[in-house]
Protein backbone atom coordinates (compact mmCIF):
# COMPACT_ATOMS: atom_id res chain seq x y z
CA MET A 1 76.80 -19.32 55.08
CA SER A 2 74.61 -18.19 52.21
CA LYS A 3 71.54 -16.03 52.59
CA LYS A 4 68.27 -17.39 51.34
CA SER A 5 66.31 -14.98 49.18
CA LYS A 6 62.82 -14.23 50.35
CA ARG A 7 60.01 -15.20 48.11
CA GLN A 8 58.31 -12.12 46.65
CA THR A 9 54.63 -12.38 47.46
CA PRO A 10 52.09 -9.65 46.81
CA SER A 11 50.81 -7.79 49.81
CA LEU A 12 47.33 -8.45 51.10
CA ALA A 13 45.97 -5.17 49.72
CA SER A 14 47.30 -5.79 46.21
CA ALA A 15 46.12 -9.38 46.27
CA ALA A 16 42.61 -8.15 47.09
CA GLY A 17 42.70 -5.57 44.30
CA LEU A 18 42.74 -2.61 46.67
CA VAL A 19 45.82 -0.90 45.30
CA ARG A 20 45.47 2.72 44.21
CA PHE A 21 47.24 3.76 41.06
CA PHE A 22 48.56 7.25 40.48
CA GLU A 23 49.40 8.67 37.09
CA GLU A 24 52.40 10.90 37.00
CA THR A 25 51.95 13.81 34.67
CA ASP A 26 54.67 16.03 33.36
CA LEU A 27 52.25 18.86 32.63
CA LYS A 28 53.65 21.54 34.89
CA ILE A 29 53.55 25.26 34.39
CA ALA A 30 57.14 26.43 34.57
CA LEU A 31 57.51 30.15 35.27
CA LYS A 32 60.76 31.87 36.00
CA PRO A 33 60.84 33.75 39.32
CA HIS A 34 61.82 37.08 37.77
CA LEU A 35 58.78 36.91 35.49
CA ILE A 36 56.46 36.55 38.50
CA ILE A 37 58.10 39.48 40.31
CA ILE A 38 57.90 41.73 37.23
CA THR A 39 54.25 40.78 36.70
CA GLY A 40 53.52 41.70 40.33
CA PHE A 41 55.15 45.11 39.96
CA VAL A 42 53.27 45.78 36.72
CA PHE A 43 49.98 44.81 38.34
CA VAL A 44 50.59 47.10 41.33
CA ALA A 45 51.56 49.98 39.01
CA LEU A 46 48.42 49.40 36.94
CA VAL A 47 46.19 49.44 40.01
CA ILE A 48 47.81 52.66 41.31
CA ALA A 49 47.53 54.32 37.88
CA LEU A 50 43.88 53.34 37.49
CA SER A 51 43.04 54.53 40.99
CA LYS A 52 44.49 57.96 40.09
CA LEU A 53 42.83 58.17 36.67
CA VAL A 54 39.38 56.75 37.45
CA PRO A 55 37.70 58.22 40.54
CA PRO A 56 35.79 55.73 42.71
CA MET A 57 32.03 55.73 42.37
């Protein structure tokens, strides 16, 4: 017994022109995790140093 292949017909939405198209972009910002952690520590140290050096108004 052989299987009959189904006829490929477009869906109702695509036949009516209602299909949404998405563009895939490869523009991603790739940051290494250790760089983010180091930047966080530097920012915290900078804030602490500035709070000691410059008195609040």
